[in-house]
Amino acid sequence: QRQLEESGGSLVQPGGSLKLSCVSSGTIFSDTMSWYRQAPGEQRELVASISPILRTTYADFVRGRFSISRVNAQNSVFLEMNNLEPGDTAVYYCNQHQPHTGRIFWGKGTLVTVSS
């Protein structure tokens, strides 16, 4: 079992930046780590993923504005978000996928609000 804890969500003006952090209660060394988001009334969608070998995947709507990274020694994954838009307003969730067991873990989310 893994507990994931996100932090860093906040109210930010359009064009601003935020860095989200997620810490796992256990090792992430062999796992794919991802950020998802869910806006009010919408389905949860993938924002970005980073594999154990640092291969990254981004949703089209990121358009070079976001960057995902990981620090295995800290059991942590980060999402740096720049040039934020009102459409980025959502609860952002951390996800840990263990390919060797098939297990998936979710955090409780952190709220990002982009508004003037």
N, C-alpha and C. Protein backbone atom coordinates (compact mmCIF):
# COMPACT_ATOMS: atom_id res chain seq x y z
N GLN A 1 0.84 -1.18 0.00
CA GLN A 1 0.00 0.00 0.00
C GLN A 1 0.89 1.24 0.00
N ARG A 2 0.43 2.27 -0.69
CA ARG A 2 1.15 3.52 -0.73
C ARG A 2 0.20 4.67 -0.41
N GLN A 3 0.69 5.61 0.36
CA GLN A 3 -0.04 6.85 0.62
C GLN A 3 0.67 7.95 -0.15
N LEU A 4 -0.11 8.71 -0.93
CA LEU A 4 0.45 9.81 -1.70
C LEU A 4 -0.10 11.12 -1.14
N GLU A 5 0.78 12.08 -0.97
CA GLU A 5 0.35 13.37 -0.45
C GLU A 5 0.82 14.48 -1.38
N GLU A 6 -0.14 15.19 -1.94
CA GLU A 6 0.16 16.31 -2.82
C GLU A 6 0.20 17.61 -2.03
N SER A 7 0.94 18.57 -2.56
CA SER A 7 0.97 19.91 -1.98
C SER A 7 1.34 20.91 -3.07
N GLY A 8 1.11 22.17 -2.77
CA GLY A 8 1.52 23.23 -3.69
C GLY A 8 0.39 23.92 -4.42
N GLY A 9 -0.82 23.38 -4.33
CA GLY A 9 -1.94 24.01 -4.98
C GLY A 9 -2.27 25.35 -4.33
N SER A 10 -2.77 26.27 -5.16
CA SER A 10 -3.02 27.62 -4.65
C SER A 10 -3.85 28.40 -5.66
N LEU A 11 -4.22 29.60 -5.25
CA LEU A 11 -4.84 30.56 -6.17
C LEU A 11 -3.72 31.34 -6.84
N VAL A 12 -3.77 31.41 -8.16
CA VAL A 12 -2.74 32.12 -8.92
C VAL A 12 -3.39 32.89 -10.06
N GLN A 13 -2.80 34.00 -10.43
CA GLN A 13 -3.33 34.80 -11.53
C GLN A 13 -2.97 34.19 -12.88
N PRO A 14 -3.76 34.46 -13.89
CA PRO A 14 -3.39 33.99 -15.24
C PRO A 14 -1.99 34.46 -15.62
N GLY A 15 -1.24 33.55 -16.22
CA GLY A 15 0.15 33.84 -16.56
C GLY A 15 1.13 33.49 -15.47
N GLY A 16 0.63 33.14 -14.30
CA GLY A 16 1.49 32.81 -13.17
C GLY A 16 2.02 31.39 -13.22
N SER A 17 2.77 31.05 -12.18
CA SER A 17 3.42 29.73 -12.10
C SER A 17 3.17 29.09 -10.75
N LEU A 18 3.18 27.77 -10.74
CA LEU A 18 3.08 26.99 -9.51
C LEU A 18 3.92 25.74 -9.67
N LYS A 19 4.39 25.21 -8.55
CA LYS A 19 5.07 23.92 -8.55
C LYS A 19 4.36 23.01 -7.57
N LEU A 20 3.83 21.92 -8.08
CA LEU A 20 3.17 20.93 -7.26
C LEU A 20 4.15 19.84 -6.86
N SER A 21 3.97 19.32 -5.66
CA SER A 21 4.82 18.24 -5.15
C SER A 21 3.95 17.08 -4.70
N CYS A 22 4.51 15.91 -4.81
CA CYS A 22 3.82 14.69 -4.34
C CYS A 22 4.86 13.79 -3.71
N VAL A 23 4.56 13.35 -2.49
CA VAL A 23 5.45 12.44 -1.78
C VAL A 23 4.72 11.12 -1.55
N SER A 24 5.40 10.03 -1.88
CA SER A 24 4.86 8.70 -1.63
C SER A 24 5.39 8.17 -0.30
N SER A 25 4.57 7.32 0.35
CA SER A 25 4.99 6.72 1.60
C SER A 25 6.01 5.61 1.40
N GLY A 26 6.19 5.20 0.14
CA GLY A 26 7.14 4.14 -0.15
C GLY A 26 7.96 4.47 -1.39
N THR A 27 8.82 3.58 -1.75
CA THR A 27 9.70 3.82 -2.88
C THR A 27 8.94 3.99 -4.18
N ILE A 28 9.45 4.88 -5.03
CA ILE A 28 8.87 5.07 -6.36
C ILE A 28 9.84 4.60 -7.44
N PHE A 29 10.94 3.99 -7.04
CA PHE A 29 12.06 3.71 -7.92
C PHE A 29 11.66 3.02 -9.23
N SER A 30 10.78 2.01 -9.13
CA SER A 30 10.42 1.22 -10.31
C SER A 30 9.07 1.59 -10.90
N ASP A 31 8.49 2.66 -10.40
CA ASP A 31 7.10 2.98 -10.73
C ASP A 31 6.97 4.17 -11.66
N THR A 32 5.92 4.16 -12.46
CA THR A 32 5.56 5.32 -13.27
C THR A 32 4.74 6.27 -12.41
N MET A 33 5.15 7.51 -12.41
CA MET A 33 4.47 8.54 -11.62
C MET A 33 3.77 9.51 -12.58
N SER A 34 2.57 9.90 -12.21
CA SER A 34 1.78 10.76 -13.10
C SER A 34 1.04 11.81 -12.31
N TRP A 35 0.68 12.86 -13.02
CA TRP A 35 -0.24 13.87 -12.52
C TRP A 35 -1.49 13.84 -13.40
N TYR A 36 -2.63 13.83 -12.74
CA TYR A 36 -3.92 13.94 -13.39
C TYR A 36 -4.60 15.19 -12.85
N ARG A 37 -5.64 15.62 -13.52
CA ARG A 37 -6.43 16.73 -13.00
C ARG A 37 -7.91 16.50 -13.30
N GLN A 38 -8.73 17.12 -12.47
CA GLN A 38 -10.18 17.01 -12.66
C GLN A 38 -10.80 18.37 -12.37
N ALA A 39 -11.38 18.96 -13.40
CA ALA A 39 -12.07 20.22 -13.25
C ALA A 39 -13.52 19.95 -12.86
N PRO A 40 -14.19 20.93 -12.26
CA PRO A 40 -15.59 20.73 -11.85
C PRO A 40 -16.46 20.29 -13.03
N GLY A 41 -17.20 19.21 -12.82
CA GLY A 41 -18.10 18.72 -13.85
C GLY A 41 -17.43 17.97 -14.99
N GLU A 42 -16.11 17.78 -14.88
CA GLU A 42 -15.37 17.12 -15.95
C GLU A 42 -14.79 15.80 -15.45
N GLN A 43 -14.36 14.98 -16.41
CA GLN A 43 -13.69 13.72 -16.04
C GLN A 43 -12.23 13.98 -15.71
N ARG A 44 -11.68 13.09 -14.93
CA ARG A 44 -10.26 13.18 -14.61
C ARG A 44 -9.46 12.89 -15.87
N GLU A 45 -8.40 13.68 -16.09
CA GLU A 45 -7.59 13.53 -17.30
C GLU A 45 -6.11 13.56 -16.96
N LEU A 46 -5.34 12.86 -17.77
CA LEU A 46 -3.90 12.80 -17.58
C LEU A 46 -3.27 14.14 -17.98
N VAL A 47 -2.36 14.61 -17.12
CA VAL A 47 -1.61 15.83 -17.41
C VAL A 47 -0.20 15.47 -17.89
N ALA A 48 0.49 14.63 -17.11
CA ALA A 48 1.86 14.26 -17.46
C ALA A 48 2.26 13.00 -16.71
N SER A 49 3.18 12.25 -17.31
CA SER A 49 3.72 11.05 -16.69
C SER A 49 5.23 11.03 -16.84
N ILE A 50 5.89 10.33 -15.90
CA ILE A 50 7.33 10.14 -16.00
C ILE A 50 7.63 8.70 -15.59
N SER A 51 8.33 7.99 -16.46
CA SER A 51 8.62 6.58 -16.23
C SER A 51 9.87 6.43 -15.36
N PRO A 52 10.17 5.20 -14.91
CA PRO A 52 11.38 4.98 -14.13
C PRO A 52 12.66 5.37 -14.87
N ILE A 53 12.62 5.34 -16.21
CA ILE A 53 13.81 5.72 -16.98
C ILE A 53 13.71 7.15 -17.48
N LEU A 54 12.84 7.93 -16.84
CA LEU A 54 12.70 9.37 -17.07
C LEU A 54 12.09 9.73 -18.41
N ARG A 55 11.35 8.78 -18.99
CA ARG A 55 10.62 9.10 -20.22
C ARG A 55 9.36 9.85 -19.82
N THR A 56 9.12 10.99 -20.42
CA THR A 56 7.99 11.82 -20.06
C THR A 56 6.93 11.86 -21.15
N THR A 57 5.70 11.99 -20.71
CA THR A 57 4.55 12.12 -21.61
C THR A 57 3.70 13.28 -21.11
N TYR A 58 3.22 14.09 -22.05
CA TYR A 58 2.40 15.24 -21.68
C TYR A 58 1.11 15.26 -22.50
N ALA A 59 0.06 15.75 -21.88
CA ALA A 59 -1.18 15.99 -22.59
C ALA A 59 -0.98 17.13 -23.59
N ASP A 60 -1.75 17.09 -24.66
CA ASP A 60 -1.61 18.12 -25.68
C ASP A 60 -1.86 19.52 -25.12
N PHE A 61 -2.76 19.63 -24.16
CA PHE A 61 -3.12 20.95 -23.66
C PHE A 61 -2.00 21.59 -22.84
N VAL A 62 -0.98 20.80 -22.48
CA VAL A 62 0.15 21.36 -21.74
C VAL A 62 0.93 22.34 -22.61
N ARG A 63 1.13 21.98 -23.87
CA ARG A 63 1.75 22.86 -24.88
C ARG A 63 3.07 23.47 -24.40
N GLY A 64 3.90 22.67 -23.76
CA GLY A 64 5.22 23.12 -23.33
C GLY A 64 5.22 23.97 -22.07
N ARG A 65 4.08 24.14 -21.43
CA ARG A 65 4.00 25.00 -20.25
C ARG A 65 4.35 24.28 -18.96
N PHE A 66 4.16 22.96 -18.92
CA PHE A 66 4.37 22.18 -17.70
C PHE A 66 5.59 21.28 -17.85
N SER A 67 6.19 20.95 -16.70
CA SER A 67 7.32 20.03 -16.69
C SER A 67 7.21 19.10 -15.50
N ILE A 68 7.29 17.79 -15.76
CA ILE A 68 7.23 16.79 -14.69
C ILE A 68 8.64 16.31 -14.41
N SER A 69 8.91 16.07 -13.13
CA SER A 69 10.22 15.55 -12.73
C SER A 69 10.05 14.67 -11.51
N ARG A 70 11.10 13.92 -11.20
CA ARG A 70 11.04 13.02 -10.05
C ARG A 70 12.38 12.98 -9.35
N VAL A 71 12.33 12.72 -8.04
CA VAL A 71 13.53 12.50 -7.24
C VAL A 71 13.29 11.23 -6.46
N ASN A 72 13.84 10.13 -6.97
CA ASN A 72 13.57 8.83 -6.34
C ASN A 72 14.03 8.77 -4.89
N ALA A 73 15.14 9.41 -4.60
CA ALA A 73 15.67 9.37 -3.24
C ALA A 73 14.72 10.02 -2.24
N GLN A 74 13.84 10.90 -2.74
CA GLN A 74 12.86 11.56 -1.88
C GLN A 74 11.47 10.98 -2.06
N ASN A 75 11.36 9.92 -2.87
CA ASN A 75 10.04 9.33 -3.18
C ASN A 75 9.06 10.39 -3.65
N SER A 76 9.55 11.29 -4.47
CA SER A 76 8.76 12.47 -4.84
C SER A 76 8.68 12.69 -6.35
N VAL A 77 7.57 13.28 -6.74
CA VAL A 77 7.38 13.71 -8.12
C VAL A 77 6.85 15.14 -8.08
N PHE A 78 7.23 15.90 -9.09
CA PHE A 78 6.89 17.32 -9.11
C PHE A 78 6.25 17.68 -10.45
N LEU A 79 5.45 18.73 -10.41
CA LEU A 79 4.87 19.28 -11.64
C LEU A 79 5.05 20.78 -11.59
N GLU A 80 5.91 21.28 -12.45
CA GLU A 80 6.12 22.71 -12.56
C GLU A 80 5.22 23.24 -13.66
N MET A 81 4.41 24.22 -13.31
CA MET A 81 3.42 24.75 -14.24
C MET A 81 3.67 26.23 -14.47
N ASN A 82 3.81 26.62 -15.70
CA ASN A 82 4.05 28.00 -16.07
C ASN A 82 2.96 28.50 -17.01
N ASN A 83 2.86 29.82 -17.09
CA ASN A 83 1.89 30.46 -17.98
C ASN A 83 0.50 29.84 -17.78
N LEU A 84 0.08 29.78 -16.55
CA LEU A 84 -1.20 29.15 -16.22
C LEU A 84 -2.37 29.93 -16.80
N GLU A 85 -3.38 29.17 -17.18
CA GLU A 85 -4.59 29.73 -17.79
C GLU A 85 -5.79 29.37 -16.92
N PRO A 86 -6.88 30.14 -17.02
CA PRO A 86 -8.08 29.79 -16.24
C PRO A 86 -8.54 28.36 -16.49
N GLY A 87 -8.34 27.86 -17.69
CA GLY A 87 -8.71 26.49 -18.01
C GLY A 87 -7.90 25.43 -17.28
N ASP A 88 -6.82 25.83 -16.61
CA ASP A 88 -6.02 24.90 -15.82
C ASP A 88 -6.58 24.72 -14.41
N THR A 89 -7.63 25.46 -14.08
CA THR A 89 -8.25 25.32 -12.77
C THR A 89 -8.81 23.92 -12.60
N ALA A 90 -8.36 23.24 -11.55
CA ALA A 90 -8.76 21.85 -11.31
C ALA A 90 -8.14 21.36 -10.01
N VAL A 91 -8.61 20.21 -9.57
CA VAL A 91 -7.90 19.48 -8.52
C VAL A 91 -6.87 18.60 -9.22
N TYR A 92 -5.63 18.70 -8.79
CA TYR A 92 -4.54 17.92 -9.38
C TYR A 92 -4.20 16.75 -8.48
N TYR A 93 -4.16 15.57 -9.09
CA TYR A 93 -3.95 14.33 -8.35
C TYR A 93 -2.64 13.66 -8.77
N CYS A 94 -1.97 13.13 -7.79
CA CYS A 94 -0.77 12.34 -8.01
C CYS A 94 -1.15 10.87 -8.15
N ASN A 95 -0.45 10.17 -9.01
CA ASN A 95 -0.76 8.76 -9.31
C ASN A 95 0.54 7.97 -9.35
N GLN A 96 0.53 6.82 -8.70
CA GLN A 96 1.69 5.93 -8.71
C GLN A 96 1.27 4.58 -9.25
N HIS A 97 1.92 4.14 -10.30
CA HIS A 97 1.60 2.87 -10.95
C HIS A 97 2.78 1.93 -10.81
N GLN A 98 2.52 0.78 -10.19
CA GLN A 98 3.54 -0.26 -10.03
C GLN A 98 3.39 -1.28 -11.15
N PRO A 99 4.21 -1.24 -12.17
CA PRO A 99 4.04 -2.16 -13.29
C PRO A 99 4.22 -3.63 -12.92
N HIS A 100 5.02 -3.92 -11.89
CA HIS A 100 5.28 -5.31 -11.53
C HIS A 100 4.14 -5.93 -10.75
N THR A 101 3.27 -5.12 -10.15
CA THR A 101 2.11 -5.65 -9.44
C THR A 101 0.80 -5.24 -10.09
N GLY A 102 0.83 -4.21 -10.92
CA GLY A 102 -0.38 -3.67 -11.52
C GLY A 102 -1.17 -2.76 -10.60
N ARG A 103 -0.64 -2.52 -9.42
CA ARG A 103 -1.36 -1.70 -8.46
C ARG A 103 -1.21 -0.22 -8.80
N ILE A 104 -2.27 0.52 -8.51
CA ILE A 104 -2.30 1.95 -8.76
C ILE A 104 -2.75 2.65 -7.48
N PHE A 105 -2.07 3.73 -7.15
CA PHE A 105 -2.39 4.49 -5.95
C PHE A 105 -2.65 5.95 -6.34
N TRP A 106 -3.55 6.57 -5.58
CA TRP A 106 -3.91 7.97 -5.83
C TRP A 106 -3.75 8.79 -4.56
N GLY A 107 -3.38 10.03 -4.75
CA GLY A 107 -3.44 10.98 -3.64
C GLY A 107 -4.82 11.58 -3.56
N LYS A 108 -5.01 12.47 -2.58
CA LYS A 108 -6.32 13.08 -2.37
C LYS A 108 -6.49 14.36 -3.17
N GLY A 109 -5.42 14.84 -3.76
CA GLY A 109 -5.50 16.00 -4.64
C GLY A 109 -5.14 17.31 -3.98
N THR A 110 -4.75 18.26 -4.83
CA THR A 110 -4.47 19.62 -4.39
C THR A 110 -5.11 20.57 -5.39
N LEU A 111 -5.78 21.59 -4.88
CA LEU A 111 -6.57 22.48 -5.72
C LEU A 111 -5.72 23.60 -6.31
N VAL A 112 -5.81 23.74 -7.62
CA VAL A 112 -5.18 24.85 -8.34
C VAL A 112 -6.30 25.71 -8.93
N THR A 113 -6.29 26.97 -8.57
CA THR A 113 -7.29 27.91 -9.09
C THR A 113 -6.56 29.03 -9.81
N VAL A 114 -6.88 29.21 -11.09
CA VAL A 114 -6.26 30.26 -11.89
C VAL A 114 -7.33 31.30 -12.19
N SER A 115 -7.17 32.45 -11.55
CA SER A 115 -8.19 33.49 -11.67
C SER A 115 -7.59 34.84 -11.33
N SER A 116 -8.12 35.87 -11.97
CA SER A 116 -7.68 37.23 -11.65
C SER A 116 -8.63 37.84 -10.61
